[in-house]
Amino acid sequence: MNTMKKLTLSQTDKKLCGVCGGLAAYFELDSTIVRVIWIIVSLFTGIVLGVIAYLLCALLIPKNV
């Protein structure tokens, strides 16, 4: 049986919307690592771009039901 992983927002591992928790679950990483990477990338590319990317992910990634 081939089960396909789905990228969804996390309902249990979330600080704001569950984007980083969902990405961490999808890539099988610790959510703290994903959050730190997101912050570092946002700082180097411009904080506004990081916030816009986060909001887009929060809107486009479906909720885990």
PDB file of N, CA and C in Angstrom:
ATOM      1  N   MET A   1       0.844  -1.177   0.000  1.00  0.00           N
ATOM      2  CA  MET A   1       0.000   0.000   0.000  1.00  0.00           C
ATOM      3  C   MET A   1       0.890   1.241   0.000  1.00  0.00           C
ATOM      4  N   ASN A   2       0.645   2.138  -0.925  1.00  0.00           N
ATOM      5  CA  ASN A   2       1.424   3.363  -1.054  1.00  0.00           C
ATOM      6  C   ASN A   2       0.616   4.523  -0.484  1.00  0.00           C
ATOM      7  N   THR A   3       1.056   5.028   0.655  1.00  0.00           N
ATOM      8  CA  THR A   3       0.365   6.174   1.239  1.00  0.00           C
ATOM      9  C   THR A   3       1.124   7.443   0.894  1.00  0.00           C
ATOM     10  N   MET A   4       0.410   8.403   0.374  1.00  0.00           N
ATOM     11  CA  MET A   4       1.022   9.657  -0.044  1.00  0.00           C
ATOM     12  C   MET A   4       0.903  10.676   1.078  1.00  0.00           C
ATOM     13  N   LYS A   5       2.028  11.349   1.375  1.00  0.00           N
ATOM     14  CA  LYS A   5       1.999  12.385   2.396  1.00  0.00           C
ATOM     15  C   LYS A   5       1.294  13.614   1.842  1.00  0.00           C
ATOM     16  N   LYS A   6       0.569  14.301   2.713  1.00  0.00           N
ATOM     17  CA  LYS A   6      -0.107  15.536   2.324  1.00  0.00           C
ATOM     18  C   LYS A   6       0.402  16.668   3.199  1.00  0.00           C
ATOM     19  N   LEU A   7       0.643  17.788   2.556  1.00  0.00           N
ATOM     20  CA  LEU A   7       1.048  18.985   3.282  1.00  0.00           C
ATOM     21  C   LEU A   7      -0.202  19.674   3.799  1.00  0.00           C
ATOM     22  N   THR A   8      -0.309  19.776   5.115  1.00  0.00           N
ATOM     23  CA  THR A   8      -1.450  20.437   5.743  1.00  0.00           C
ATOM     24  C   THR A   8      -0.950  21.311   6.893  1.00  0.00           C
ATOM     25  N   LEU A   9      -1.777  22.261   7.292  1.00  0.00           N
ATOM     26  CA  LEU A   9      -1.469  23.057   8.475  1.00  0.00           C
ATOM     27  C   LEU A   9      -1.607  22.178   9.708  1.00  0.00           C
ATOM     28  N   SER A  10      -0.714  22.335  10.643  1.00  0.00           N
ATOM     29  CA  SER A  10      -0.782  21.555  11.872  1.00  0.00           C
ATOM     30  C   SER A  10      -1.822  22.155  12.819  1.00  0.00           C
ATOM     31  N   GLN A  11      -2.627  21.301  13.389  1.00  0.00           N
ATOM     32  CA  GLN A  11      -3.612  21.744  14.377  1.00  0.00           C
ATOM     33  C   GLN A  11      -3.074  21.622  15.801  1.00  0.00           C
ATOM     34  N   THR A  12      -2.007  20.836  15.981  1.00  0.00           N
ATOM     35  CA  THR A  12      -1.476  20.600  17.318  1.00  0.00           C
ATOM     36  C   THR A  12      -0.147  21.307  17.566  1.00  0.00           C
ATOM     37  N   ASP A  13       0.684  21.414  16.528  1.00  0.00           N
ATOM     38  CA  ASP A  13       2.011  22.019  16.666  1.00  0.00           C
ATOM     39  C   ASP A  13       2.012  23.364  15.957  1.00  0.00           C
ATOM     40  N   LYS A  14       1.407  24.361  16.605  1.00  0.00           N
ATOM     41  CA  LYS A  14       1.323  25.665  15.966  1.00  0.00           C
ATOM     42  C   LYS A  14       1.542  26.782  16.971  1.00  0.00           C
ATOM     43  N   LYS A  15       2.117  27.866  16.459  1.00  0.00           N
ATOM     44  CA  LYS A  15       2.286  29.084  17.244  1.00  0.00           C
ATOM     45  C   LYS A  15       1.322  30.147  16.730  1.00  0.00           C
ATOM     46  N   LEU A  16       1.222  30.273  15.411  1.00  0.00           N
ATOM     47  CA  LEU A  16       0.284  31.222  14.809  1.00  0.00           C
ATOM     48  C   LEU A  16      -0.793  30.466  14.032  1.00  0.00           C
ATOM     49  N   CYS A  17      -0.417  29.987  12.860  1.00  0.00           N
ATOM     50  CA  CYS A  17      -1.399  29.327  11.989  1.00  0.00           C
ATOM     51  C   CYS A  17      -1.096  27.848  11.754  1.00  0.00           C
ATOM     52  N   GLY A  18       0.056  27.373  12.155  1.00  0.00           N
ATOM     53  CA  GLY A  18       0.417  25.972  11.957  1.00  0.00           C
ATOM     54  C   GLY A  18       1.215  25.701  10.701  1.00  0.00           C
ATOM     55  N   VAL A  19       1.720  26.763  10.056  1.00  0.00           N
ATOM     56  CA  VAL A  19       2.484  26.592   8.817  1.00  0.00           C
ATOM     57  C   VAL A  19       3.780  25.829   9.083  1.00  0.00           C
ATOM     58  N   CYS A  20       4.576  26.296  10.012  1.00  0.00           N
ATOM     59  CA  CYS A  20       5.864  25.654  10.288  1.00  0.00           C
ATOM     60  C   CYS A  20       5.688  24.247  10.851  1.00  0.00           C
ATOM     61  N   GLY A  21       4.677  24.053  11.682  1.00  0.00           N
ATOM     62  CA  GLY A  21       4.389  22.714  12.197  1.00  0.00           C
ATOM     63  C   GLY A  21       3.987  21.763  11.093  1.00  0.00           C
ATOM     64  N   GLY A  22       3.201  22.249  10.141  1.00  0.00           N
ATOM     65  CA  GLY A  22       2.798  21.428   9.000  1.00  0.00           C
ATOM     66  C   GLY A  22       3.964  21.097   8.094  1.00  0.00           C
ATOM     67  N   LEU A  23       4.818  22.080   7.833  1.00  0.00           N
ATOM     68  CA  LEU A  23       6.006  21.834   7.020  1.00  0.00           C
ATOM     69  C   LEU A  23       6.945  20.848   7.715  1.00  0.00           C
ATOM     70  N   ALA A  24       7.089  20.994   9.021  1.00  0.00           N
ATOM     71  CA  ALA A  24       7.948  20.084   9.780  1.00  0.00           C
ATOM     72  C   ALA A  24       7.418  18.652   9.717  1.00  0.00           C
ATOM     73  N   ALA A  25       6.127  18.480   9.847  1.00  0.00           N
ATOM     74  CA  ALA A  25       5.544  17.142   9.778  1.00  0.00           C
ATOM     75  C   ALA A  25       5.722  16.552   8.380  1.00  0.00           C
ATOM     76  N   TYR A  26       5.548  17.369   7.351  1.00  0.00           N
ATOM     77  CA  TYR A  26       5.664  16.893   5.974  1.00  0.00           C
ATOM     78  C   TYR A  26       7.091  16.447   5.661  1.00  0.00           C
ATOM     79  N   PHE A  27       8.079  17.231   6.098  1.00  0.00           N
ATOM     80  CA  PHE A  27       9.481  16.908   5.821  1.00  0.00           C
ATOM     81  C   PHE A  27      10.128  16.081   6.930  1.00  0.00           C
ATOM     82  N   GLU A  28       9.346  15.686   7.930  1.00  0.00           N
ATOM     83  CA  GLU A  28       9.805  14.871   9.050  1.00  0.00           C
ATOM     84  C   GLU A  28      10.992  15.520   9.766  1.00  0.00           C
ATOM     85  N   LEU A  29      10.801  16.804  10.120  1.00  0.00           N
ATOM     86  CA  LEU A  29      11.799  17.573  10.857  1.00  0.00           C
ATOM     87  C   LEU A  29      11.192  18.067  12.159  1.00  0.00           C
ATOM     88  N   ASP A  30      12.033  18.563  13.045  1.00  0.00           N
ATOM     89  CA  ASP A  30      11.555  19.188  14.269  1.00  0.00           C
ATOM     90  C   ASP A  30      10.997  20.567  13.910  1.00  0.00           C
ATOM     91  N   SER A  31       9.859  20.923  14.454  1.00  0.00           N
ATOM     92  CA  SER A  31       9.225  22.195  14.105  1.00  0.00           C
ATOM     93  C   SER A  31      10.051  23.406  14.539  1.00  0.00           C
ATOM     94  N   THR A  32      10.835  23.257  15.590  1.00  0.00           N
ATOM     95  CA  THR A  32      11.694  24.359  16.027  1.00  0.00           C
ATOM     96  C   THR A  32      12.745  24.672  14.965  1.00  0.00           C
ATOM     97  N   ILE A  33      13.281  23.649  14.342  1.00  0.00           N
ATOM     98  CA  ILE A  33      14.259  23.847  13.276  1.00  0.00           C
ATOM     99  C   ILE A  33      13.624  24.581  12.105  1.00  0.00           C
ATOM    100  N   VAL A  34      12.419  24.195  11.732  1.00  0.00           N
ATOM    101  CA  VAL A  34      11.722  24.853  10.628  1.00  0.00           C
ATOM    102  C   VAL A  34      11.454  26.315  10.974  1.00  0.00           C
ATOM    103  N   ARG A  35      11.046  26.583  12.198  1.00  0.00           N
ATOM    104  CA  ARG A  35      10.787  27.968  12.618  1.00  0.00           C
ATOM    105  C   ARG A  35      12.057  28.811  12.583  1.00  0.00           C
ATOM    106  N   VAL A  36      13.176  28.264  13.057  1.00  0.00           N
ATOM    107  CA  VAL A  36      14.443  28.996  13.054  1.00  0.00           C
ATOM    108  C   VAL A  36      14.893  29.257  11.617  1.00  0.00           C
ATOM    109  N   ILE A  37      14.784  28.267  10.751  1.00  0.00           N
ATOM    110  CA  ILE A  37      15.149  28.447   9.342  1.00  0.00           C
ATOM    111  C   ILE A  37      14.270  29.516   8.712  1.00  0.00           C
ATOM    112  N   TRP A  38      12.965  29.480   8.991  1.00  0.00           N
ATOM    113  CA  TRP A  38      12.046  30.487   8.434  1.00  0.00           C
ATOM    114  C   TRP A  38      12.449  31.899   8.876  1.00  0.00           C
ATOM    115  N   ILE A  39      12.789  32.046  10.144  1.00  0.00           N
ATOM    116  CA  ILE A  39      13.185  33.359  10.671  1.00  0.00           C
ATOM    117  C   ILE A  39      14.486  33.832  10.018  1.00  0.00           C
ATOM    118  N   ILE A  40      15.472  32.948   9.907  1.00  0.00           N
ATOM    119  CA  ILE A  40      16.754  33.318   9.313  1.00  0.00           C
ATOM    120  C   ILE A  40      16.572  33.716   7.849  1.00  0.00           C
ATOM    121  N   VAL A  41      15.825  32.915   7.101  1.00  0.00           N
ATOM    122  CA  VAL A  41      15.582  33.240   5.692  1.00  0.00           C
ATOM    123  C   VAL A  41      14.818  34.560   5.580  1.00  0.00           C
ATOM    124  N   SER A  42      13.860  34.779   6.453  1.00  0.00           N
ATOM    125  CA  SER A  42      13.096  36.036   6.433  1.00  0.00           C
ATOM    126  C   SER A  42      13.988  37.243   6.726  1.00  0.00           C
ATOM    127  N   LEU A  43      14.910  37.093   7.653  1.00  0.00           N
ATOM    128  CA  LEU A  43      15.805  38.198   7.981  1.00  0.00           C
ATOM    129  C   LEU A  43      16.732  38.544   6.814  1.00  0.00           C
ATOM    130  N   PHE A  44      17.202  37.523   6.097  1.00  0.00           N
ATOM    131  CA  PHE A  44      18.128  37.768   4.992  1.00  0.00           C
ATOM    132  C   PHE A  44      17.432  38.203   3.711  1.00  0.00           C
ATOM    133  N   THR A  45      16.153  37.906   3.552  1.00  0.00           N
ATOM    134  CA  THR A  45      15.447  38.274   2.316  1.00  0.00           C
ATOM    135  C   THR A  45      14.515  39.460   2.518  1.00  0.00           C
ATOM    136  N   GLY A  46      14.408  39.919   3.698  1.00  0.00           N
ATOM    137  CA  GLY A  46      13.499  41.024   3.989  1.00  0.00           C
ATOM    138  C   GLY A  46      12.326  40.503   4.783  1.00  0.00           C
ATOM    139  N   ILE A  47      12.068  41.098   5.904  1.00  0.00           N
ATOM    140  CA  ILE A  47      11.041  40.599   6.817  1.00  0.00           C
ATOM    141  C   ILE A  47       9.653  40.648   6.172  1.00  0.00           C
ATOM    142  N   VAL A  48       9.402  41.667   5.379  1.00  0.00           N
ATOM    143  CA  VAL A  48       8.100  41.794   4.730  1.00  0.00           C
ATOM    144  C   VAL A  48       7.849  40.599   3.806  1.00  0.00           C
ATOM    145  N   LEU A  49       8.876  40.191   3.063  1.00  0.00           N
ATOM    146  CA  LEU A  49       8.739  39.046   2.169  1.00  0.00           C
ATOM    147  C   LEU A  49       8.448  37.761   2.955  1.00  0.00           C
ATOM    148  N   GLY A  50       9.108  37.600   4.101  1.00  0.00           N
ATOM    149  CA  GLY A  50       8.866  36.430   4.944  1.00  0.00           C
ATOM    150  C   GLY A  50       7.457  36.405   5.507  1.00  0.00           C
ATOM    151  N   VAL A  51       6.947  37.560   5.900  1.00  0.00           N
ATOM    152  CA  VAL A  51       5.579  37.652   6.433  1.00  0.00           C
ATOM    153  C   VAL A  51       4.562  37.364   5.327  1.00  0.00           C
ATOM    154  N   ILE A  52       4.800  37.922   4.140  1.00  0.00           N
ATOM    155  CA  ILE A  52       3.891  37.670   3.015  1.00  0.00           C
ATOM    156  C   ILE A  52       3.896  36.177   2.649  1.00  0.00           C
ATOM    157  N   ALA A  53       5.080  35.565   2.622  1.00  0.00           N
ATOM    158  CA  ALA A  53       5.172  34.132   2.314  1.00  0.00           C
ATOM    159  C   ALA A  53       4.435  33.305   3.362  1.00  0.00           C
ATOM    160  N   TYR A  54       4.580  33.670   4.633  1.00  0.00           N
ATOM    161  CA  TYR A  54       3.890  32.943   5.705  1.00  0.00           C
ATOM    162  C   TYR A  54       2.372  33.060   5.550  1.00  0.00           C
ATOM    163  N   LEU A  55       1.905  34.273   5.284  1.00  0.00           N
ATOM    164  CA  LEU A  55       0.464  34.479   5.121  1.00  0.00           C
ATOM    165  C   LEU A  55      -0.080  33.733   3.908  1.00  0.00           C
ATOM    166  N   LEU A  56       0.674  33.724   2.820  1.00  0.00           N
ATOM    167  CA  LEU A  56       0.252  32.962   1.641  1.00  0.00           C
ATOM    168  C   LEU A  56       0.180  31.471   1.948  1.00  0.00           C
ATOM    169  N   CYS A  57       1.173  30.965   2.659  1.00  0.00           N
ATOM    170  CA  CYS A  57       1.150  29.553   3.039  1.00  0.00           C
ATOM    171  C   CYS A  57      -0.050  29.258   3.944  1.00  0.00           C
ATOM    172  N   ALA A  58      -0.320  30.157   4.879  1.00  0.00           N
ATOM    173  CA  ALA A  58      -1.439  29.957   5.797  1.00  0.00           C
ATOM    174  C   ALA A  58      -2.773  29.935   5.046  1.00  0.00           C
ATOM    175  N   LEU A  59      -2.867  30.694   3.971  1.00  0.00           N
ATOM    176  CA  LEU A  59      -4.097  30.729   3.184  1.00  0.00           C
ATOM    177  C   LEU A  59      -4.197  29.572   2.195  1.00  0.00           C
ATOM    178  N   LEU A  60      -3.079  29.143   1.631  1.00  0.00           N
ATOM    179  CA  LEU A  60      -3.104  28.147   0.559  1.00  0.00           C
ATOM    180  C   LEU A  60      -3.004  26.704   1.025  1.00  0.00           C
ATOM    181  N   ILE A  61      -2.299  26.466   2.135  1.00  0.00           N
ATOM    182  CA  ILE A  61      -2.152  25.097   2.627  1.00  0.00           C
ATOM    183  C   ILE A  61      -3.434  24.710   3.358  1.00  0.00           C
ATOM    184  N   PRO A  62      -4.024  23.574   2.997  1.00  0.00           N
ATOM    185  CA  PRO A  62      -5.284  23.189   3.653  1.00  0.00           C
ATOM    186  C   PRO A  62      -5.081  22.778   5.108  1.00  0.00           C
ATOM    187  N   LYS A  63      -6.147  22.905   5.883  1.00  0.00           N
ATOM    188  CA  LYS A  63      -6.110  22.498   7.292  1.00  0.00           C
ATOM    189  C   LYS A  63      -6.146  20.977   7.391  1.00  0.00           C
ATOM    190  N   ASN A  64      -5.508  20.467   8.431  1.00  0.00           N
ATOM    191  CA  ASN A  64      -5.512  19.021   8.691  1.00  0.00           C
ATOM    192  C   ASN A  64      -6.824  18.673   9.381  1.00  0.00           C
ATOM    193  N   VAL A  65      -7.673  17.973   8.694  1.00  0.00           N
ATOM    194  CA  VAL A  65      -8.998  17.660   9.249  1.00  0.00           C
ATOM    195  C   VAL A  65      -9.082  16.213   9.647  1.00  0.00           C
TER     196      VAL A  65
END
